[in-house]
Amino acid sequence: LHCEYSPQSSGQVERMNRTLKETLTKLAIETGGDWVTLLPFALFRARNTPYKLGLTPFEIVYGSPPPICSVFEGKTKPSLSLRTFQQEMLALSKVHKHIWSLIREVHEGQSKGTIPSHDMGPRDWVWVKRHQSRTLEPRWKGPYVVLLTTPTALKVDGIGPWVHCNHVRRATPEEQEKAQKEWKATPHPTNPLKMKLVRQLAPDKS
């Protein structure tokens, strides 16, 4: 996930996009293929390039290099031996141990107040701060209903990018009641990540 509030993550996304474009350009020149066909190869290169820890993104997620050698050689993949399985589980446990230490630091920072956090969830109504307000324009816009949340950001209906928790404030009970009369939020019966929003039409007074 990418949040506009964090310039560091924006730079990482831009660098990865630039790397993919450069790789696609080189592959297109060498093979003459189109970018749709060559994109999986560019993604494979990015996901299997070691970083400063000496591990590739694939190894961090799965605990071992991608099993592609036998495929390229036209051979079937050998059955997994107990020793190989133990080695992979050991490598994966070391990676998880390192990752969990980082996650623990984040949660401890939230409890100490050094890392921003919030207590808002889906179906809550919030106001979003305007970064560039015009003359006589309110400082806050909304309210918007919250669809998804992370520890530091919210996804609200009507705004494309994720919004940092420092840039929202919870609507008052009166404001939420007024918004709920105009909009009705209904959770999906089977998918908890989906929500249906229906605008309530004002009664005709004529």
N, C-alpha and C. Protein backbone atom coordinates (compact mmCIF):
# COMPACT_ATOMS: atom_id res chain seq x y z
N LEU A 1 0.84 -1.18 0.00
CA LEU A 1 0.00 0.00 0.00
C LEU A 1 0.88 1.24 0.00
N HIS A 2 0.32 2.31 -0.69
CA HIS A 2 1.07 3.56 -0.79
C HIS A 2 0.19 4.69 -0.28
N CYS A 3 0.73 5.50 0.62
CA CYS A 3 -0.01 6.62 1.19
C CYS A 3 0.70 7.91 0.82
N GLU A 4 -0.06 8.89 0.36
CA GLU A 4 0.53 10.15 -0.07
C GLU A 4 1.22 10.87 1.08
N TYR A 5 0.85 10.55 2.31
CA TYR A 5 1.43 11.24 3.46
C TYR A 5 2.90 10.89 3.65
N SER A 6 3.32 9.74 3.15
CA SER A 6 4.69 9.27 3.34
C SER A 6 5.50 9.46 2.07
N PRO A 7 6.36 10.48 2.01
CA PRO A 7 7.19 10.68 0.81
C PRO A 7 8.14 9.53 0.55
N GLN A 8 8.57 8.84 1.64
CA GLN A 8 9.51 7.73 1.46
C GLN A 8 8.88 6.61 0.63
N SER A 9 7.65 6.25 0.96
CA SER A 9 7.00 5.18 0.20
C SER A 9 6.73 5.62 -1.23
N SER A 10 6.44 6.91 -1.43
CA SER A 10 6.23 7.41 -2.79
C SER A 10 7.51 7.26 -3.60
N GLY A 11 8.66 7.58 -3.00
CA GLY A 11 9.92 7.43 -3.72
C GLY A 11 10.22 5.99 -4.06
N GLN A 12 9.90 5.07 -3.15
CA GLN A 12 10.13 3.65 -3.42
C GLN A 12 9.26 3.16 -4.57
N VAL A 13 8.02 3.61 -4.60
CA VAL A 13 7.12 3.22 -5.69
C VAL A 13 7.63 3.75 -7.01
N GLU A 14 8.07 5.01 -7.03
CA GLU A 14 8.57 5.60 -8.27
C GLU A 14 9.84 4.90 -8.75
N ARG A 15 10.72 4.54 -7.81
CA ARG A 15 11.95 3.84 -8.21
C ARG A 15 11.64 2.47 -8.80
N MET A 16 10.68 1.77 -8.20
CA MET A 16 10.32 0.46 -8.73
C MET A 16 9.66 0.59 -10.10
N ASN A 17 8.81 1.60 -10.28
CA ASN A 17 8.21 1.82 -11.60
C ASN A 17 9.27 2.14 -12.64
N ARG A 18 10.26 2.94 -12.26
CA ARG A 18 11.34 3.27 -13.19
C ARG A 18 12.14 2.03 -13.55
N THR A 19 12.41 1.17 -12.55
CA THR A 19 13.15 -0.06 -12.82
C THR A 19 12.38 -0.96 -13.78
N LEU A 20 11.07 -1.08 -13.57
CA LEU A 20 10.26 -1.91 -14.47
C LEU A 20 10.25 -1.35 -15.89
N LYS A 21 10.15 -0.02 -16.02
CA LYS A 21 10.15 0.59 -17.35
C LYS A 21 11.48 0.36 -18.06
N GLU A 22 12.59 0.52 -17.32
CA GLU A 22 13.90 0.30 -17.93
C GLU A 22 14.06 -1.15 -18.37
N THR A 23 13.62 -2.09 -17.53
CA THR A 23 13.72 -3.50 -17.89
C THR A 23 12.86 -3.83 -19.09
N LEU A 24 11.64 -3.30 -19.12
CA LEU A 24 10.75 -3.53 -20.26
C LEU A 24 11.34 -2.97 -21.55
N THR A 25 11.96 -1.79 -21.46
CA THR A 25 12.56 -1.18 -22.65
C THR A 25 13.67 -2.06 -23.20
N LYS A 26 14.54 -2.55 -22.32
CA LYS A 26 15.65 -3.41 -22.76
C LYS A 26 15.13 -4.71 -23.37
N LEU A 27 14.15 -5.31 -22.73
CA LEU A 27 13.61 -6.57 -23.25
C LEU A 27 12.91 -6.36 -24.59
N ALA A 28 12.21 -5.24 -24.73
CA ALA A 28 11.51 -4.96 -25.99
C ALA A 28 12.51 -4.76 -27.13
N ILE A 29 13.62 -4.07 -26.84
CA ILE A 29 14.64 -3.84 -27.87
C ILE A 29 15.30 -5.16 -28.27
N GLU A 30 15.56 -6.03 -27.28
CA GLU A 30 16.27 -7.28 -27.55
C GLU A 30 15.38 -8.32 -28.23
N THR A 31 14.11 -8.37 -27.85
CA THR A 31 13.24 -9.43 -28.35
C THR A 31 12.22 -8.96 -29.37
N GLY A 32 11.91 -7.66 -29.37
CA GLY A 32 10.88 -7.15 -30.26
C GLY A 32 9.46 -7.46 -29.82
N GLY A 33 9.31 -7.96 -28.59
CA GLY A 33 7.98 -8.28 -28.09
C GLY A 33 7.26 -7.06 -27.53
N ASP A 34 5.97 -7.22 -27.25
CA ASP A 34 5.20 -6.12 -26.68
C ASP A 34 5.29 -6.17 -25.16
N TRP A 35 4.96 -5.05 -24.51
CA TRP A 35 5.16 -4.94 -23.07
C TRP A 35 4.22 -5.85 -22.28
N VAL A 36 3.07 -6.18 -22.84
CA VAL A 36 2.14 -7.08 -22.13
C VAL A 36 2.76 -8.46 -21.98
N THR A 37 3.43 -8.93 -23.03
CA THR A 37 4.07 -10.24 -22.98
C THR A 37 5.31 -10.23 -22.11
N LEU A 38 6.04 -9.11 -22.12
CA LEU A 38 7.32 -9.03 -21.41
C LEU A 38 7.18 -8.62 -19.95
N LEU A 39 6.02 -8.11 -19.54
CA LEU A 39 5.86 -7.64 -18.16
C LEU A 39 6.12 -8.72 -17.12
N PRO A 40 5.64 -9.97 -17.29
CA PRO A 40 5.95 -11.00 -16.29
C PRO A 40 7.45 -11.22 -16.09
N PHE A 41 8.24 -11.10 -17.17
CA PHE A 41 9.69 -11.27 -17.03
C PHE A 41 10.30 -10.11 -16.25
N ALA A 42 9.80 -8.90 -16.50
CA ALA A 42 10.30 -7.74 -15.75
C ALA A 42 9.94 -7.85 -14.27
N LEU A 43 8.73 -8.30 -13.98
CA LEU A 43 8.32 -8.49 -12.59
C LEU A 43 9.14 -9.59 -11.92
N PHE A 44 9.42 -10.66 -12.68
CA PHE A 44 10.24 -11.74 -12.12
C PHE A 44 11.63 -11.23 -11.74
N ARG A 45 12.19 -10.40 -12.59
CA ARG A 45 13.52 -9.84 -12.30
C ARG A 45 13.48 -8.98 -11.05
N ALA A 46 12.44 -8.15 -10.91
CA ALA A 46 12.35 -7.27 -9.75
C ALA A 46 12.14 -8.07 -8.46
N ARG A 47 11.34 -9.11 -8.54
CA ARG A 47 11.04 -9.90 -7.34
C ARG A 47 12.16 -10.84 -6.94
N ASN A 48 13.15 -11.01 -7.81
CA ASN A 48 14.26 -11.92 -7.51
C ASN A 48 15.60 -11.21 -7.55
N THR A 49 15.59 -9.91 -7.30
CA THR A 49 16.82 -9.13 -7.19
C THR A 49 17.15 -8.94 -5.71
N PRO A 50 18.34 -9.38 -5.26
CA PRO A 50 18.69 -9.24 -3.83
C PRO A 50 18.78 -7.77 -3.42
N TYR A 51 18.36 -7.50 -2.17
CA TYR A 51 18.45 -6.17 -1.61
C TYR A 51 19.57 -6.13 -0.58
N LYS A 52 19.58 -5.11 0.26
CA LYS A 52 20.71 -4.91 1.17
C LYS A 52 20.87 -6.05 2.19
N LEU A 53 19.80 -6.79 2.46
CA LEU A 53 19.91 -7.92 3.37
C LEU A 53 20.41 -9.18 2.68
N GLY A 54 20.62 -9.11 1.35
CA GLY A 54 21.07 -10.27 0.61
C GLY A 54 19.96 -11.24 0.26
N LEU A 55 18.72 -10.86 0.49
CA LEU A 55 17.57 -11.71 0.19
C LEU A 55 16.71 -11.06 -0.87
N THR A 56 16.06 -11.88 -1.66
CA THR A 56 15.12 -11.37 -2.67
C THR A 56 13.73 -11.29 -2.06
N PRO A 57 12.83 -10.47 -2.64
CA PRO A 57 11.46 -10.45 -2.14
C PRO A 57 10.79 -11.82 -2.14
N PHE A 58 11.08 -12.64 -3.16
CA PHE A 58 10.51 -13.99 -3.21
C PHE A 58 10.99 -14.82 -2.03
N GLU A 59 12.28 -14.74 -1.71
CA GLU A 59 12.82 -15.51 -0.60
C GLU A 59 12.26 -15.04 0.74
N ILE A 60 12.01 -13.74 0.87
CA ILE A 60 11.45 -13.22 2.12
C ILE A 60 10.04 -13.76 2.34
N VAL A 61 9.28 -13.88 1.27
CA VAL A 61 7.89 -14.35 1.39
C VAL A 61 7.82 -15.86 1.54
N TYR A 62 8.59 -16.61 0.72
CA TYR A 62 8.45 -18.06 0.67
C TYR A 62 9.59 -18.82 1.34
N GLY A 63 10.68 -18.15 1.69
CA GLY A 63 11.75 -18.82 2.42
C GLY A 63 12.71 -19.60 1.56
N SER A 64 12.60 -19.54 0.23
CA SER A 64 13.51 -20.27 -0.65
C SER A 64 13.49 -19.62 -2.02
N PRO A 65 14.52 -19.89 -2.85
CA PRO A 65 14.51 -19.35 -4.22
C PRO A 65 13.37 -19.95 -5.03
N PRO A 66 12.96 -19.28 -6.10
CA PRO A 66 11.86 -19.81 -6.92
C PRO A 66 12.27 -21.11 -7.62
N PRO A 67 11.42 -22.12 -7.62
CA PRO A 67 11.75 -23.42 -8.23
C PRO A 67 11.52 -23.40 -9.73
N ILE A 68 12.45 -22.78 -10.47
CA ILE A 68 12.24 -22.64 -11.91
C ILE A 68 13.27 -23.39 -12.74
N CYS A 69 14.38 -23.82 -12.15
CA CYS A 69 15.45 -24.46 -12.94
C CYS A 69 14.94 -25.71 -13.63
N SER A 70 14.21 -26.54 -12.89
CA SER A 70 13.73 -27.79 -13.49
C SER A 70 12.73 -27.52 -14.61
N VAL A 71 11.97 -26.42 -14.49
CA VAL A 71 11.00 -26.08 -15.54
C VAL A 71 11.72 -25.70 -16.82
N PHE A 72 12.76 -24.85 -16.70
CA PHE A 72 13.51 -24.43 -17.88
C PHE A 72 14.27 -25.58 -18.51
N GLU A 73 14.69 -26.55 -17.72
CA GLU A 73 15.44 -27.69 -18.25
C GLU A 73 14.53 -28.79 -18.78
N GLY A 74 13.23 -28.61 -18.68
CA GLY A 74 12.29 -29.62 -19.17
C GLY A 74 12.15 -30.81 -18.26
N LYS A 75 12.53 -30.65 -16.99
CA LYS A 75 12.45 -31.75 -16.05
C LYS A 75 11.31 -31.51 -15.07
N THR A 76 10.84 -32.57 -14.48
CA THR A 76 9.82 -32.45 -13.44
C THR A 76 10.51 -32.15 -12.11
N LYS A 77 9.82 -31.40 -11.28
CA LYS A 77 10.40 -31.03 -9.99
C LYS A 77 10.49 -32.25 -9.09
N PRO A 78 11.66 -32.52 -8.50
CA PRO A 78 11.79 -33.68 -7.62
C PRO A 78 10.94 -33.51 -6.37
N SER A 79 10.58 -34.64 -5.79
CA SER A 79 9.77 -34.60 -4.57
C SER A 79 10.58 -33.96 -3.44
N LEU A 80 9.89 -33.26 -2.57
CA LEU A 80 10.53 -32.53 -1.49
C LEU A 80 10.99 -33.51 -0.41
N SER A 81 12.29 -33.50 -0.12
CA SER A 81 12.82 -34.38 0.92
C SER A 81 12.63 -33.73 2.29
N LEU A 82 12.74 -34.54 3.32
CA LEU A 82 12.58 -34.04 4.68
C LEU A 82 13.67 -33.03 5.03
N ARG A 83 14.89 -33.27 4.58
CA ARG A 83 15.99 -32.36 4.88
C ARG A 83 15.77 -31.00 4.20
N THR A 84 15.35 -31.04 2.94
CA THR A 84 15.08 -29.79 2.23
C THR A 84 13.94 -29.03 2.88
N PHE A 85 12.92 -29.77 3.29
CA PHE A 85 11.78 -29.13 3.96
C PHE A 85 12.21 -28.48 5.26
N GLN A 86 13.05 -29.16 6.03
CA GLN A 86 13.54 -28.59 7.29
C GLN A 86 14.37 -27.34 7.05
N GLN A 87 15.20 -27.36 6.00
CA GLN A 87 16.02 -26.19 5.69
C GLN A 87 15.14 -25.00 5.31
N GLU A 88 14.11 -25.26 4.52
CA GLU A 88 13.22 -24.18 4.11
C GLU A 88 12.44 -23.62 5.30
N MET A 89 11.98 -24.50 6.18
CA MET A 89 11.25 -24.03 7.36
C MET A 89 12.17 -23.23 8.29
N LEU A 90 13.43 -23.65 8.40
CA LEU A 90 14.39 -22.92 9.23
C LEU A 90 14.66 -21.54 8.66
N ALA A 91 14.84 -21.47 7.34
CA ALA A 91 15.07 -20.17 6.71
C ALA A 91 13.85 -19.27 6.86
N LEU A 92 12.66 -19.85 6.71
CA LEU A 92 11.44 -19.06 6.84
C LEU A 92 11.25 -18.57 8.27
N SER A 93 11.61 -19.39 9.25
CA SER A 93 11.47 -18.96 10.65
C SER A 93 12.42 -17.81 10.97
N LYS A 94 13.63 -17.82 10.38
CA LYS A 94 14.57 -16.72 10.61
C LYS A 94 14.04 -15.42 10.01
N VAL A 95 13.47 -15.52 8.82
CA VAL A 95 12.90 -14.32 8.20
C VAL A 95 11.73 -13.81 9.02
N HIS A 96 10.86 -14.71 9.48
CA HIS A 96 9.71 -14.30 10.29
C HIS A 96 10.17 -13.66 11.59
N LYS A 97 11.21 -14.20 12.19
CA LYS A 97 11.72 -13.64 13.44
C LYS A 97 12.18 -12.20 13.24
N HIS A 98 12.85 -11.95 12.12
CA HIS A 98 13.31 -10.59 11.83
C HIS A 98 12.12 -9.67 11.56
N ILE A 99 11.14 -10.16 10.80
CA ILE A 99 9.98 -9.33 10.46
C ILE A 99 9.15 -9.02 11.70
N TRP A 100 8.96 -10.03 12.57
CA TRP A 100 8.15 -9.80 13.76
C TRP A 100 8.79 -8.81 14.71
N SER A 101 10.11 -8.76 14.74
CA SER A 101 10.77 -7.75 15.57
C SER A 101 10.47 -6.35 15.07
N LEU A 102 10.40 -6.19 13.75
CA LEU A 102 10.05 -4.88 13.19
C LEU A 102 8.60 -4.54 13.49
N ILE A 103 7.70 -5.53 13.36
CA ILE A 103 6.29 -5.29 13.66
C ILE A 103 6.11 -4.94 15.14
N ARG A 104 6.87 -5.60 16.02
CA ARG A 104 6.78 -5.30 17.45
C ARG A 104 7.19 -3.86 17.73
N GLU A 105 8.22 -3.39 17.04
CA GLU A 105 8.64 -2.00 17.22
C GLU A 105 7.54 -1.03 16.81
N VAL A 106 6.82 -1.36 15.73
CA VAL A 106 5.73 -0.49 15.28
C VAL A 106 4.63 -0.43 16.33
N HIS A 107 4.23 -1.61 16.87
CA HIS A 107 3.15 -1.63 17.86
C HIS A 107 3.57 -0.95 19.16
N GLU A 108 4.82 -1.13 19.56
CA GLU A 108 5.29 -0.45 20.76
C GLU A 108 5.32 1.06 20.55
N GLY A 109 5.68 1.48 19.33
CA GLY A 109 5.66 2.91 19.03
C GLY A 109 4.27 3.48 19.07
N GLN A 110 3.28 2.69 18.64
CA GLN A 110 1.89 3.16 18.70
C GLN A 110 1.42 3.30 20.13
N SER A 111 1.79 2.34 20.99
CA SER A 111 1.36 2.43 22.38
C SER A 111 2.01 3.60 23.10
N LYS A 112 3.22 3.97 22.70
CA LYS A 112 3.91 5.10 23.32
C LYS A 112 3.54 6.43 22.68
N GLY A 113 2.80 6.38 21.59
CA GLY A 113 2.40 7.61 20.94
C GLY A 113 3.41 8.17 19.96
N THR A 114 4.51 7.45 19.71
CA THR A 114 5.52 7.95 18.78
C THR A 114 5.14 7.68 17.33
N ILE A 115 4.27 6.70 17.10
CA ILE A 115 3.79 6.39 15.76
C ILE A 115 2.29 6.66 15.72
N PRO A 116 1.81 7.41 14.74
CA PRO A 116 0.38 7.75 14.71
C PRO A 116 -0.50 6.52 14.55
N SER A 117 -1.64 6.52 15.21
CA SER A 117 -2.61 5.44 15.09
C SER A 117 -4.00 6.02 15.31
N HIS A 118 -5.02 5.19 15.16
CA HIS A 118 -6.39 5.67 15.29
C HIS A 118 -7.27 4.52 15.75
N ASP A 119 -8.50 4.85 16.11
CA ASP A 119 -9.46 3.83 16.55
C ASP A 119 -10.70 3.82 15.68
N MET A 120 -10.58 4.31 14.45
CA MET A 120 -11.72 4.34 13.54
C MET A 120 -11.76 3.07 12.69
N GLY A 121 -12.96 2.69 12.29
CA GLY A 121 -13.13 1.47 11.51
C GLY A 121 -14.15 1.65 10.41
N PRO A 122 -14.39 0.60 9.63
CA PRO A 122 -15.39 0.68 8.55
C PRO A 122 -16.76 1.10 9.08
N ARG A 123 -17.47 1.87 8.24
CA ARG A 123 -18.81 2.39 8.52
C ARG A 123 -18.79 3.61 9.43
N ASP A 124 -17.61 4.01 9.94
CA ASP A 124 -17.52 5.28 10.65
C ASP A 124 -17.52 6.43 9.65
N TRP A 125 -17.90 7.61 10.11
CA TRP A 125 -17.93 8.79 9.25
C TRP A 125 -16.87 9.76 9.72
N VAL A 126 -16.08 10.28 8.77
CA VAL A 126 -14.96 11.16 9.11
C VAL A 126 -14.94 12.37 8.17
N TRP A 127 -14.30 13.42 8.65
CA TRP A 127 -14.01 14.59 7.83
C TRP A 127 -12.56 14.51 7.39
N VAL A 128 -12.29 14.91 6.15
CA VAL A 128 -10.94 14.86 5.57
C VAL A 128 -10.42 16.28 5.40
N LYS A 129 -9.19 16.49 5.82
CA LYS A 129 -8.59 17.83 5.77
C LYS A 129 -8.26 18.22 4.33
N ARG A 130 -8.55 19.47 4.00
CA ARG A 130 -8.15 20.02 2.70
C ARG A 130 -6.73 20.56 2.82
N HIS A 131 -5.85 20.14 1.92
CA HIS A 131 -4.47 20.63 1.94
C HIS A 131 -4.34 21.96 1.22
N GLN A 132 -5.19 22.20 0.25
CA GLN A 132 -5.17 23.46 -0.50
C GLN A 132 -6.60 23.99 -0.58
N SER A 133 -6.98 24.77 0.41
CA SER A 133 -8.33 25.31 0.46
C SER A 133 -8.38 26.68 -0.22
N ARG A 134 -9.44 26.92 -0.95
CA ARG A 134 -9.63 28.20 -1.62
C ARG A 134 -10.27 29.20 -0.67
N THR A 135 -10.44 30.42 -1.15
CA THR A 135 -11.01 31.47 -0.33
C THR A 135 -12.43 31.09 0.11
N LEU A 136 -12.68 31.26 1.41
CA LEU A 136 -13.98 30.98 2.02
C LEU A 136 -14.39 29.51 1.88
N GLU A 137 -13.44 28.64 1.60
CA GLU A 137 -13.73 27.21 1.50
C GLU A 137 -13.47 26.55 2.84
N PRO A 138 -14.35 25.66 3.31
CA PRO A 138 -14.13 25.01 4.61
C PRO A 138 -12.80 24.25 4.65
N ARG A 139 -12.22 24.19 5.84
CA ARG A 139 -10.94 23.51 6.00
C ARG A 139 -11.09 21.99 5.87
N TRP A 140 -12.28 21.48 6.21
CA TRP A 140 -12.53 20.04 6.15
C TRP A 140 -13.63 19.76 5.13
N LYS A 141 -13.52 18.61 4.46
CA LYS A 141 -14.53 18.20 3.49
C LYS A 141 -15.12 16.86 3.91
N GLY A 142 -16.38 16.67 3.55
CA GLY A 142 -17.04 15.43 3.92
C GLY A 142 -18.41 15.70 4.52
N PRO A 143 -18.88 14.81 5.40
CA PRO A 143 -18.16 13.62 5.88
C PRO A 143 -18.20 12.46 4.89
N TYR A 144 -17.21 11.57 5.03
CA TYR A 144 -17.10 10.38 4.19
C TYR A 144 -17.19 9.14 5.08
N VAL A 145 -17.72 8.07 4.52
CA VAL A 145 -17.80 6.82 5.26
C VAL A 145 -16.52 6.04 5.05
N VAL A 146 -16.00 5.43 6.11
CA VAL A 146 -14.76 4.66 6.06
C VAL A 146 -15.05 3.27 5.51
N LEU A 147 -14.24 2.85 4.52
CA LEU A 147 -14.40 1.53 3.91
C LEU A 147 -13.39 0.52 4.44
N LEU A 148 -12.11 0.92 4.48
CA LEU A 148 -11.03 0.05 4.93
C LEU A 148 -10.07 0.86 5.80
N THR A 149 -9.32 0.19 6.66
CA THR A 149 -8.36 0.88 7.51
C THR A 149 -7.08 0.07 7.65
N THR A 150 -5.98 0.78 7.91
CA THR A 150 -4.72 0.20 8.35
C THR A 150 -4.35 0.91 9.65
N PRO A 151 -3.29 0.51 10.34
CA PRO A 151 -2.94 1.21 11.58
C PRO A 151 -2.69 2.70 11.41
N THR A 152 -2.35 3.16 10.21
CA THR A 152 -2.02 4.58 10.05
C THR A 152 -2.79 5.27 8.94
N ALA A 153 -3.67 4.58 8.22
CA ALA A 153 -4.36 5.20 7.08
C ALA A 153 -5.78 4.66 6.96
N LEU A 154 -6.60 5.41 6.21
CA LEU A 154 -7.99 5.03 6.00
C LEU A 154 -8.34 5.14 4.53
N LYS A 155 -9.22 4.25 4.05
CA LYS A 155 -9.78 4.33 2.70
C LYS A 155 -11.23 4.72 2.86
N VAL A 156 -11.58 5.90 2.32
CA VAL A 156 -12.93 6.41 2.46
C VAL A 156 -13.61 6.45 1.10
N ASP A 157 -14.92 6.36 1.11
CA ASP A 157 -15.68 6.40 -0.14
C ASP A 157 -15.66 7.81 -0.71
N GLY A 158 -15.39 7.91 -2.01
CA GLY A 158 -15.38 9.21 -2.68
C GLY A 158 -14.02 9.81 -2.88
N ILE A 159 -12.97 9.23 -2.27
CA ILE A 159 -11.60 9.72 -2.43
C ILE A 159 -10.74 8.54 -2.86
N GLY A 160 -10.01 8.70 -3.96
CA GLY A 160 -9.22 7.59 -4.50
C GLY A 160 -8.07 7.16 -3.61
N PRO A 161 -7.12 8.07 -3.28
CA PRO A 161 -5.97 7.65 -2.49
C PRO A 161 -6.34 7.37 -1.03
N TRP A 162 -5.49 6.60 -0.37
CA TRP A 162 -5.65 6.39 1.07
C TRP A 162 -5.33 7.70 1.78
N VAL A 163 -5.96 7.92 2.92
CA VAL A 163 -5.81 9.16 3.68
C VAL A 163 -5.13 8.83 5.01
N HIS A 164 -4.08 9.59 5.35
CA HIS A 164 -3.38 9.36 6.61
C HIS A 164 -4.29 9.71 7.78
N CYS A 165 -4.13 8.97 8.89
CA CYS A 165 -5.02 9.18 10.03
C CYS A 165 -4.86 10.56 10.65
N ASN A 166 -3.71 11.21 10.45
CA ASN A 166 -3.52 12.56 10.97
C ASN A 166 -4.30 13.60 10.17
N HIS A 167 -4.84 13.22 9.03
CA HIS A 167 -5.54 14.16 8.15
C HIS A 167 -7.05 13.95 8.17
N VAL A 168 -7.55 13.23 9.16
CA VAL A 168 -9.00 13.03 9.30
C VAL A 168 -9.40 13.30 10.74
N ARG A 169 -10.66 13.60 10.92
CA ARG A 169 -11.23 13.70 12.27
C ARG A 169 -12.62 13.06 12.24
N ARG A 170 -12.96 12.45 13.34
CA ARG A 170 -14.23 11.74 13.41
C ARG A 170 -15.39 12.73 13.41
N ALA A 171 -16.44 12.40 12.68
CA ALA A 171 -17.63 13.23 12.68
C ALA A 171 -18.36 13.11 14.01
N THR A 172 -18.99 14.19 14.43
CA THR A 172 -19.75 14.16 15.68
C THR A 172 -20.99 13.28 15.52
N PRO A 173 -21.59 12.84 16.63
CA PRO A 173 -22.80 12.01 16.50
C PRO A 173 -23.89 12.68 15.68
N GLU A 174 -24.05 14.00 15.84
CA GLU A 174 -25.06 14.71 15.05
C GLU A 174 -24.72 14.68 13.56
N GLU A 175 -23.43 14.89 13.25
CA GLU A 175 -23.00 14.86 11.84
C GLU A 175 -23.15 13.47 11.25
N GLN A 176 -22.83 12.44 12.05
CA GLN A 176 -22.98 11.07 11.56
C GLN A 176 -24.44 10.73 11.32
N GLU A 177 -25.31 11.18 12.22
CA GLU A 177 -26.74 10.91 12.04
C GLU A 177 -27.27 11.58 10.78
N LYS A 178 -26.82 12.80 10.52
CA LYS A 178 -27.25 13.51 9.32
C LYS A 178 -26.74 12.81 8.07
N ALA A 179 -25.46 12.36 8.10
CA ALA A 179 -24.89 11.67 6.94
C ALA A 179 -25.57 10.33 6.70
N GLN A 180 -25.93 9.63 7.79
CA GLN A 180 -26.57 8.32 7.64
C GLN A 180 -27.97 8.44 7.06
N LYS A 181 -28.61 9.60 7.26
CA LYS A 181 -29.91 9.81 6.65
C LYS A 181 -29.79 10.00 5.14
N GLU A 182 -28.64 10.56 4.71
CA GLU A 182 -28.42 10.79 3.28
C GLU A 182 -27.84 9.56 2.60
N TRP A 183 -26.95 8.83 3.33
CA TRP A 183 -26.31 7.64 2.76
C TRP A 183 -26.56 6.45 3.68
N LYS A 184 -26.80 5.30 3.08
CA LYS A 184 -26.99 4.07 3.83
C LYS A 184 -25.90 3.08 3.44
N ALA A 185 -25.10 2.65 4.44
CA ALA A 185 -24.01 1.70 4.20
C ALA A 185 -24.45 0.31 4.64
N THR A 186 -24.37 -0.65 3.72
CA THR A 186 -24.78 -2.03 4.00
C THR A 186 -23.62 -2.96 3.71
N PRO A 187 -23.15 -3.75 4.69
CA PRO A 187 -22.04 -4.68 4.43
C PRO A 187 -22.45 -5.79 3.47
N HIS A 188 -21.48 -6.30 2.71
CA HIS A 188 -21.73 -7.39 1.78
C HIS A 188 -22.04 -8.66 2.58
N PRO A 189 -23.00 -9.48 2.14
CA PRO A 189 -23.38 -10.66 2.93
C PRO A 189 -22.29 -11.71 3.05
N THR A 190 -21.37 -11.79 2.08
CA THR A 190 -20.35 -12.84 2.11
C THR A 190 -18.93 -12.30 2.10
N ASN A 191 -18.70 -11.12 1.53
CA ASN A 191 -17.35 -10.56 1.43
C ASN A 191 -17.20 -9.41 2.41
N PRO A 192 -16.39 -9.56 3.49
CA PRO A 192 -16.25 -8.47 4.47
C PRO A 192 -15.51 -7.26 3.94
N LEU A 193 -14.85 -7.39 2.77
CA LEU A 193 -14.11 -6.27 2.21
C LEU A 193 -14.97 -5.41 1.28
N LYS A 194 -16.24 -5.77 1.11
CA LYS A 194 -17.12 -5.01 0.23
C LYS A 194 -18.23 -4.37 1.05
N MET A 195 -18.67 -3.19 0.57
CA MET A 195 -19.75 -2.47 1.23
C MET A 195 -20.58 -1.76 0.18
N LYS A 196 -21.88 -1.80 0.33
CA LYS A 196 -22.78 -1.16 -0.62
C LYS A 196 -23.28 0.15 -0.04
N LEU A 197 -23.14 1.25 -0.82
CA LEU A 197 -23.58 2.57 -0.41
C LEU A 197 -24.76 2.99 -1.27
N VAL A 198 -25.84 3.37 -0.62
CA VAL A 198 -27.05 3.80 -1.33
C VAL A 198 -27.42 5.18 -0.82
N ARG A 199 -27.61 6.11 -1.75
CA ARG A 199 -28.00 7.47 -1.37
C ARG A 199 -29.50 7.53 -1.17
N GLN A 200 -29.91 8.03 0.00
CA GLN A 200 -31.32 8.14 0.31
C GLN A 200 -31.88 9.42 -0.30
N LEU A 201 -32.93 9.30 -1.09
CA LEU A 201 -33.55 10.46 -1.71
C LEU A 201 -34.42 11.18 -0.70
N ALA A 202 -34.31 12.51 -0.71
CA ALA A 202 -35.12 13.31 0.20
C ALA A 202 -36.58 13.21 -0.20
N PRO A 203 -37.49 13.16 0.77
CA PRO A 203 -38.92 13.05 0.43
C PRO A 203 -39.42 14.28 -0.31
N ASP A 204 -40.30 14.04 -1.24
CA ASP A 204 -40.86 15.13 -2.04
C ASP A 204 -41.89 15.90 -1.21
N LYS A 205 -41.61 17.18 -0.98
CA LYS A 205 -42.47 18.01 -0.15
C LYS A 205 -43.60 18.66 -0.94
N SER A 206 -43.62 18.48 -2.25
CA SER A 206 -44.67 19.10 -3.06
C SER A 206 -46.00 18.37 -2.93
